[in-house]
Amino acid sequence: SGRTFSMYAMSWFRQAPGKEREFVAAISGS
């Protein structure tokens, strides 16, 4: 939500049952 906030860097994480959350990928604002 919010067009202005879409310029922030964003990441994907994943978590399986019984496992810790882990980093998957990230992308800069541009």
PDB file of all heavy atoms in Angstrom:
ATOM      1  N   SER A   1       0.834  -1.189   0.000  1.00  0.00           N
ATOM      2  CA  SER A   1       0.000   0.000   0.000  1.00  0.00           C
ATOM      3  C   SER A   1       0.870   1.241   0.000  1.00  0.00           C
ATOM      4  O   SER A   1       1.935   1.267   0.632  1.00  0.00           O
ATOM      5  CB  SER A   1      -0.928   0.000   1.215  1.00  0.00           C
ATOM      6  OG  SER A   1      -0.180   0.077   2.421  1.00  0.00           O
ATOM      7  N   GLY A   2       0.439   2.268  -0.709  1.00  0.00           N
ATOM      8  CA  GLY A   2       1.179   3.506  -0.743  1.00  0.00           C
ATOM      9  C   GLY A   2       2.268   3.513  -1.794  1.00  0.00           C
ATOM     10  O   GLY A   2       3.255   2.782  -1.675  1.00  0.00           O
ATOM     11  N   ARG A   3       2.098   4.324  -2.810  1.00  0.00           N
ATOM     12  CA  ARG A   3       3.058   4.353  -3.902  1.00  0.00           C
ATOM     13  C   ARG A   3       4.437   4.829  -3.456  1.00  0.00           C
ATOM     14  O   ARG A   3       5.454   4.345  -3.942  1.00  0.00           O
ATOM     15  CB  ARG A   3       2.540   5.250  -5.031  1.00  0.00           C
ATOM     16  CG  ARG A   3       1.300   4.711  -5.708  1.00  0.00           C
ATOM     17  CD  ARG A   3       0.906   5.576  -6.881  1.00  0.00           C
ATOM     18  NE  ARG A   3      -0.315   5.081  -7.506  1.00  0.00           N
ATOM     19  CZ  ARG A   3      -0.366   4.099  -8.388  1.00  0.00           C
ATOM     20  NH1 ARG A   3       0.758   3.489  -8.751  1.00  0.00           N
ATOM     21  NH2 ARG A   3      -1.516   3.706  -8.906  1.00  0.00           N
ATOM     22  N   THR A   4       4.493   5.777  -2.529  1.00  0.00           N
ATOM     23  CA  THR A   4       5.777   6.298  -2.084  1.00  0.00           C
ATOM     24  C   THR A   4       6.612   5.248  -1.361  1.00  0.00           C
ATOM     25  O   THR A   4       7.837   5.254  -1.455  1.00  0.00           O
ATOM     26  CB  THR A   4       5.584   7.515  -1.160  1.00  0.00           C
ATOM     27  OG1 THR A   4       4.783   7.145  -0.030  1.00  0.00           O
ATOM     28  CG2 THR A   4       4.919   8.658  -1.899  1.00  0.00           C
ATOM     29  N   PHE A   5       5.973   4.354  -0.664  1.00  0.00           N
ATOM     30  CA  PHE A   5       6.688   3.338   0.093  1.00  0.00           C
ATOM     31  C   PHE A   5       7.176   2.189  -0.770  1.00  0.00           C
ATOM     32  O   PHE A   5       7.956   1.353  -0.310  1.00  0.00           O
ATOM     33  CB  PHE A   5       5.804   2.809   1.229  1.00  0.00           C
ATOM     34  CG  PHE A   5       5.471   3.844   2.253  1.00  0.00           C
ATOM     35  CD1 PHE A   5       4.244   4.491   2.232  1.00  0.00           C
ATOM     36  CD2 PHE A   5       6.389   4.192   3.229  1.00  0.00           C
ATOM     37  CE1 PHE A   5       3.938   5.457   3.175  1.00  0.00           C
ATOM     38  CE2 PHE A   5       6.093   5.160   4.173  1.00  0.00           C
ATOM     39  CZ  PHE A   5       4.863   5.798   4.149  1.00  0.00           C
ATOM     40  N   SER A   6       6.730   2.124  -2.003  1.00  0.00           N
ATOM     41  CA  SER A   6       7.174   1.070  -2.898  1.00  0.00           C
ATOM     42  C   SER A   6       8.630   1.227  -3.308  1.00  0.00           C
ATOM     43  O   SER A   6       9.197   0.317  -3.906  1.00  0.00           O
ATOM     44  CB  SER A   6       6.285   1.021  -4.146  1.00  0.00           C
ATOM     45  OG  SER A   6       6.476   2.179  -4.950  1.00  0.00           O
ATOM     46  N   MET A   7       9.248   2.356  -2.976  1.00  0.00           N
ATOM     47  CA  MET A   7      10.638   2.592  -3.334  1.00  0.00           C
ATOM     48  C   MET A   7      11.629   2.056  -2.306  1.00  0.00           C
ATOM     49  O   MET A   7      12.830   2.103  -2.531  1.00  0.00           O
ATOM     50  CB  MET A   7      10.879   4.086  -3.541  1.00  0.00           C
ATOM     51  CG  MET A   7      10.123   4.684  -4.715  1.00  0.00           C
ATOM     52  SD  MET A   7      10.536   3.869  -6.279  1.00  0.00           S
ATOM     53  CE  MET A   7      12.270   4.265  -6.416  1.00  0.00           C
ATOM     54  N   TYR A   8      11.142   1.567  -1.185  1.00  0.00           N
ATOM     55  CA  TYR A   8      12.034   0.984  -0.185  1.00  0.00           C
ATOM     56  C   TYR A   8      12.509  -0.378  -0.639  1.00  0.00           C
ATOM     57  O   TYR A   8      11.849  -1.069  -1.412  1.00  0.00           O
ATOM     58  CB  TYR A   8      11.319   0.847   1.159  1.00  0.00           C
ATOM     59  CG  TYR A   8      11.185   2.142   1.921  1.00  0.00           C
ATOM     60  CD1 TYR A   8      10.128   3.007   1.693  1.00  0.00           C
ATOM     61  CD2 TYR A   8      12.125   2.487   2.886  1.00  0.00           C
ATOM     62  CE1 TYR A   8      10.006   4.195   2.395  1.00  0.00           C
ATOM     63  CE2 TYR A   8      12.010   3.671   3.603  1.00  0.00           C
ATOM     64  CZ  TYR A   8      10.950   4.517   3.342  1.00  0.00           C
ATOM     65  OH  TYR A   8      10.831   5.687   4.060  1.00  0.00           O
ATOM     66  N   ALA A   9      13.678  -0.767  -0.150  1.00  0.00           N
ATOM     67  CA  ALA A   9      14.163  -2.109  -0.400  1.00  0.00           C
ATOM     68  C   ALA A   9      13.163  -3.114   0.166  1.00  0.00           C
ATOM     69  O   ALA A   9      12.509  -2.857   1.172  1.00  0.00           O
ATOM     70  CB  ALA A   9      15.535  -2.305   0.238  1.00  0.00           C
ATOM     71  N   MET A  10      13.056  -4.255  -0.491  1.00  0.00           N
ATOM     72  CA  MET A  10      12.108  -5.285  -0.075  1.00  0.00           C
ATOM     73  C   MET A  10      12.799  -6.631  -0.057  1.00  0.00           C
ATOM     74  O   MET A  10      13.737  -6.867  -0.821  1.00  0.00           O
ATOM     75  CB  MET A  10      10.914  -5.340  -1.029  1.00  0.00           C
ATOM     76  CG  MET A  10      10.076  -4.084  -1.085  1.00  0.00           C
ATOM     77  SD  MET A  10       9.017  -3.895   0.373  1.00  0.00           S
ATOM     78  CE  MET A  10       7.843  -5.233   0.111  1.00  0.00           C
ATOM     79  N   SER A  11      12.321  -7.521   0.790  1.00  0.00           N
ATOM     80  CA  SER A  11      12.904  -8.850   0.889  1.00  0.00           C
ATOM     81  C   SER A  11      11.821  -9.912   0.986  1.00  0.00           C
ATOM     82  O   SER A  11      10.688  -9.639   1.383  1.00  0.00           O
ATOM     83  CB  SER A  11      13.820  -8.957   2.117  1.00  0.00           C
ATOM     84  OG  SER A  11      14.958  -8.129   1.988  1.00  0.00           O
ATOM     85  N   TRP A  12      12.208 -11.119   0.620  1.00  0.00           N
ATOM     86  CA  TRP A  12      11.381 -12.305   0.822  1.00  0.00           C
ATOM     87  C   TRP A  12      12.051 -13.193   1.854  1.00  0.00           C
ATOM     88  O   TRP A  12      13.268 -13.406   1.815  1.00  0.00           O
ATOM     89  CB  TRP A  12      11.201 -13.091  -0.477  1.00  0.00           C
ATOM     90  CG  TRP A  12      10.250 -12.472  -1.456  1.00  0.00           C
ATOM     91  CD1 TRP A  12      10.568 -11.661  -2.496  1.00  0.00           C
ATOM     92  CD2 TRP A  12       8.831 -12.630  -1.480  1.00  0.00           C
ATOM     93  NE1 TRP A  12       9.429 -11.301  -3.178  1.00  0.00           N
ATOM     94  CE2 TRP A  12       8.349 -11.881  -2.582  1.00  0.00           C
ATOM     95  CE3 TRP A  12       7.915 -13.339  -0.689  1.00  0.00           C
ATOM     96  CZ2 TRP A  12       6.991 -11.815  -2.903  1.00  0.00           C
ATOM     97  CZ3 TRP A  12       6.570 -13.267  -1.013  1.00  0.00           C
ATOM     98  CH2 TRP A  12       6.124 -12.516  -2.099  1.00  0.00           C
ATOM     99  N   PHE A  13      11.249 -13.709   2.767  1.00  0.00           N
ATOM    100  CA  PHE A  13      11.694 -14.666   3.766  1.00  0.00           C
ATOM    101  C   PHE A  13      10.794 -15.884   3.684  1.00  0.00           C
ATOM    102  O   PHE A  13       9.708 -15.833   3.104  1.00  0.00           O
ATOM    103  CB  PHE A  13      11.621 -14.076   5.176  1.00  0.00           C
ATOM    104  CG  PHE A  13      12.610 -12.983   5.449  1.00  0.00           C
ATOM    105  CD1 PHE A  13      12.351 -11.677   5.067  1.00  0.00           C
ATOM    106  CD2 PHE A  13      13.796 -13.254   6.108  1.00  0.00           C
ATOM    107  CE1 PHE A  13      13.251 -10.661   5.318  1.00  0.00           C
ATOM    108  CE2 PHE A  13      14.709 -12.248   6.374  1.00  0.00           C
ATOM    109  CZ  PHE A  13      14.441 -10.959   5.978  1.00  0.00           C
ATOM    110  N   ARG A  14      11.227 -16.964   4.292  1.00  0.00           N
ATOM    111  CA  ARG A  14      10.379 -18.146   4.354  1.00  0.00           C
ATOM    112  C   ARG A  14      10.601 -18.860   5.674  1.00  0.00           C
ATOM    113  O   ARG A  14      11.658 -18.754   6.290  1.00  0.00           O
ATOM    114  CB  ARG A  14      10.649 -19.097   3.181  1.00  0.00           C
ATOM    115  CG  ARG A  14      12.022 -19.743   3.183  1.00  0.00           C
ATOM    116  CD  ARG A  14      12.235 -20.526   1.898  1.00  0.00           C
ATOM    117  NE  ARG A  14      13.508 -21.230   1.882  1.00  0.00           N
ATOM    118  CZ  ARG A  14      13.993 -21.886   0.841  1.00  0.00           C
ATOM    119  NH1 ARG A  14      13.291 -21.932  -0.291  1.00  0.00           N
ATOM    120  NH2 ARG A  14      15.167 -22.497   0.917  1.00  0.00           N
ATOM    121  N   GLN A  15       9.589 -19.599   6.093  1.00  0.00           N
ATOM    122  CA  GLN A  15       9.679 -20.340   7.337  1.00  0.00           C
ATOM    123  C   GLN A  15       8.883 -21.632   7.224  1.00  0.00           C
ATOM    124  O   GLN A  15       7.697 -21.616   6.904  1.00  0.00           O
ATOM    125  CB  GLN A  15       9.169 -19.508   8.514  1.00  0.00           C
ATOM    126  CG  GLN A  15       9.373 -20.167   9.864  1.00  0.00           C
ATOM    127  CD  GLN A  15       9.109 -19.218  11.015  1.00  0.00           C
ATOM    128  OE1 GLN A  15       8.319 -18.280  10.890  1.00  0.00           O
ATOM    129  NE2 GLN A  15       9.767 -19.454  12.131  1.00  0.00           N
ATOM    130  N   ALA A  16       9.542 -22.734   7.492  1.00  0.00           N
ATOM    131  CA  ALA A  16       8.903 -24.037   7.520  1.00  0.00           C
ATOM    132  C   ALA A  16       8.560 -24.381   8.963  1.00  0.00           C
ATOM    133  O   ALA A  16       9.206 -23.896   9.894  1.00  0.00           O
ATOM    134  CB  ALA A  16       9.827 -25.092   6.921  1.00  0.00           C
ATOM    135  N   PRO A  17       7.553 -25.225   9.185  1.00  0.00           N
ATOM    136  CA  PRO A  17       7.182 -25.604  10.550  1.00  0.00           C
ATOM    137  C   PRO A  17       8.367 -26.171  11.326  1.00  0.00           C
ATOM    138  O   PRO A  17       9.084 -27.037  10.834  1.00  0.00           O
ATOM    139  CB  PRO A  17       6.105 -26.664  10.334  1.00  0.00           C
ATOM    140  CG  PRO A  17       5.499 -26.310   9.021  1.00  0.00           C
ATOM    141  CD  PRO A  17       6.655 -25.829   8.188  1.00  0.00           C
ATOM    142  N   GLY A  18       8.572 -25.660  12.530  1.00  0.00           N
ATOM    143  CA  GLY A  18       9.659 -26.120  13.368  1.00  0.00           C
ATOM    144  C   GLY A  18      11.022 -25.583  12.992  1.00  0.00           C
ATOM    145  O   GLY A  18      12.017 -25.946  13.626  1.00  0.00           O
ATOM    146  N   LYS A  19      11.086 -24.737  11.985  1.00  0.00           N
ATOM    147  CA  LYS A  19      12.351 -24.172  11.535  1.00  0.00           C
ATOM    148  C   LYS A  19      12.380 -22.664  11.764  1.00  0.00           C
ATOM    149  O   LYS A  19      11.346 -22.021  11.896  1.00  0.00           O
ATOM    150  CB  LYS A  19      12.574 -24.455  10.047  1.00  0.00           C
ATOM    151  CG  LYS A  19      12.571 -25.920   9.671  1.00  0.00           C
ATOM    152  CD  LYS A  19      13.780 -26.634  10.231  1.00  0.00           C
ATOM    153  CE  LYS A  19      13.824 -28.076   9.752  1.00  0.00           C
ATOM    154  NZ  LYS A  19      15.019 -28.788  10.280  1.00  0.00           N
ATOM    155  N   GLU A  20      13.581 -22.126  11.808  1.00  0.00           N
ATOM    156  CA  GLU A  20      13.730 -20.684  11.939  1.00  0.00           C
ATOM    157  C   GLU A  20      13.418 -20.006  10.614  1.00  0.00           C
ATOM    158  O   GLU A  20      13.585 -20.580   9.545  1.00  0.00           O
ATOM    159  CB  GLU A  20      15.158 -20.329  12.374  1.00  0.00           C
ATOM    160  CG  GLU A  20      15.518 -20.768  13.770  1.00  0.00           C
ATOM    161  CD  GLU A  20      16.889 -20.279  14.185  1.00  0.00           C
ATOM    162  OE1 GLU A  20      17.652 -19.797  13.324  1.00  0.00           O
ATOM    163  OE2 GLU A  20      17.207 -20.366  15.377  1.00  0.00           O
ATOM    164  N   ARG A  21      12.974 -18.770  10.700  1.00  0.00           N
ATOM    165  CA  ARG A  21      12.737 -17.993   9.508  1.00  0.00           C
ATOM    166  C   ARG A  21      14.059 -17.727   8.807  1.00  0.00           C
ATOM    167  O   ARG A  21      15.052 -17.390   9.455  1.00  0.00           O
ATOM    168  CB  ARG A  21      12.058 -16.675   9.880  1.00  0.00           C
ATOM    169  CG  ARG A  21      11.692 -15.803   8.691  1.00  0.00           C
ATOM    170  CD  ARG A  21      10.970 -14.552   9.165  1.00  0.00           C
ATOM    171  NE  ARG A  21      11.818 -13.746  10.016  1.00  0.00           N
ATOM    172  CZ  ARG A  21      11.373 -12.819  10.853  1.00  0.00           C
ATOM    173  NH1 ARG A  21      10.061 -12.608  10.952  1.00  0.00           N
ATOM    174  NH2 ARG A  21      12.219 -12.121  11.582  1.00  0.00           N
ATOM    175  N   GLU A  22      14.092 -17.879   7.499  1.00  0.00           N
ATOM    176  CA  GLU A  22      15.320 -17.665   6.761  1.00  0.00           C
ATOM    177  C   GLU A  22      15.129 -16.673   5.620  1.00  0.00           C
ATOM    178  O   GLU A  22      14.061 -16.582   5.017  1.00  0.00           O
ATOM    179  CB  GLU A  22      15.887 -18.984   6.224  1.00  0.00           C
ATOM    180  CG  GLU A  22      15.019 -19.664   5.176  1.00  0.00           C
ATOM    181  CD  GLU A  22      15.691 -20.884   4.567  1.00  0.00           C
ATOM    182  OE1 GLU A  22      16.941 -20.960   4.577  1.00  0.00           O
ATOM    183  OE2 GLU A  22      14.967 -21.770   4.076  1.00  0.00           O
ATOM    184  N   PHE A  23      16.180 -15.957   5.341  1.00  0.00           N
ATOM    185  CA  PHE A  23      16.195 -14.999   4.260  1.00  0.00           C
ATOM    186  C   PHE A  23      16.232 -15.708   2.916  1.00  0.00           C
ATOM    187  O   PHE A  23      16.922 -16.713   2.750  1.00  0.00           O
ATOM    188  CB  PHE A  23      17.421 -14.084   4.404  1.00  0.00           C
ATOM    189  CG  PHE A  23      17.691 -13.233   3.206  1.00  0.00           C
ATOM    190  CD1 PHE A  23      17.002 -12.041   3.012  1.00  0.00           C
ATOM    191  CD2 PHE A  23      18.635 -13.610   2.274  1.00  0.00           C
ATOM    192  CE1 PHE A  23      17.251 -11.247   1.905  1.00  0.00           C
ATOM    193  CE2 PHE A  23      18.895 -12.823   1.167  1.00  0.00           C
ATOM    194  CZ  PHE A  23      18.199 -11.651   0.986  1.00  0.00           C
ATOM    195  N   VAL A  24      15.500 -15.170   1.941  1.00  0.00           N
ATOM    196  CA  VAL A  24      15.451 -15.758   0.608  1.00  0.00           C
ATOM    197  C   VAL A  24      16.072 -14.835  -0.428  1.00  0.00           C
ATOM    198  O   VAL A  24      16.978 -15.220  -1.156  1.00  0.00           O
ATOM    199  CB  VAL A  24      14.007 -16.102   0.196  1.00  0.00           C
ATOM    200  CG1 VAL A  24      13.977 -16.637  -1.234  1.00  0.00           C
ATOM    201  CG2 VAL A  24      13.404 -17.109   1.165  1.00  0.00           C
ATOM    202  N   ALA A  25      15.579 -13.612  -0.508  1.00  0.00           N
ATOM    203  CA  ALA A  25      16.056 -12.683  -1.526  1.00  0.00           C
ATOM    204  C   ALA A  25      15.719 -11.257  -1.134  1.00  0.00           C
ATOM    205  O   ALA A  25      14.808 -11.015  -0.347  1.00  0.00           O
ATOM    206  CB  ALA A  25      15.439 -13.011  -2.890  1.00  0.00           C
ATOM    207  N   ALA A  26      16.457 -10.309  -1.696  1.00  0.00           N
ATOM    208  CA  ALA A  26      16.224  -8.897  -1.429  1.00  0.00           C
ATOM    209  C   ALA A  26      16.432  -8.091  -2.699  1.00  0.00           C
ATOM    210  O   ALA A  26      17.191  -8.489  -3.586  1.00  0.00           O
ATOM    211  CB  ALA A  26      17.159  -8.393  -0.332  1.00  0.00           C
ATOM    212  N   ILE A  27      15.774  -6.960  -2.772  1.00  0.00           N
ATOM    213  CA  ILE A  27      15.898  -6.077  -3.918  1.00  0.00           C
ATOM    214  C   ILE A  27      15.904  -4.638  -3.437  1.00  0.00           C
ATOM    215  O   ILE A  27      15.158  -4.262  -2.537  1.00  0.00           O
ATOM    216  CB  ILE A  27      14.754  -6.331  -4.928  1.00  0.00           C
ATOM    217  CG1 ILE A  27      14.956  -5.518  -6.210  1.00  0.00           C
ATOM    218  CG2 ILE A  27      13.391  -6.032  -4.299  1.00  0.00           C
ATOM    219  CD1 ILE A  27      14.026  -5.951  -7.339  1.00  0.00           C
ATOM    220  N   SER A  28      16.767  -3.822  -4.020  1.00  0.00           N
ATOM    221  CA  SER A  28      16.867  -2.428  -3.634  1.00  0.00           C
ATOM    222  C   SER A  28      15.638  -1.666  -4.102  1.00  0.00           C
ATOM    223  O   SER A  28      14.831  -2.156  -4.890  1.00  0.00           O
ATOM    224  CB  SER A  28      18.132  -1.796  -4.229  1.00  0.00           C
ATOM    225  OG  SER A  28      18.073  -1.807  -5.647  1.00  0.00           O
ATOM    226  N   GLY A  29      15.496  -0.441  -3.604  1.00  0.00           N
ATOM    227  CA  GLY A  29      14.344   0.361  -3.966  1.00  0.00           C
ATOM    228  C   GLY A  29      14.221   0.608  -5.454  1.00  0.00           C
ATOM    229  O   GLY A  29      13.114   0.644  -5.996  1.00  0.00           O
ATOM    230  N   SER A  30      15.343   0.757  -6.124  1.00  0.00           N
ATOM    231  CA  SER A  30      15.355   1.004  -7.563  1.00  0.00           C
ATOM    232  C   SER A  30      15.120  -0.264  -8.373  1.00  0.00           C
ATOM    233  O   SER A  30      14.759  -0.193  -9.544  1.00  0.00           O
ATOM    234  CB  SER A  30      16.683   1.625  -7.979  1.00  0.00           C
ATOM    235  OG  SER A  30      17.740   0.700  -7.824  1.00  0.00           O
TER     236      SER A  30
END
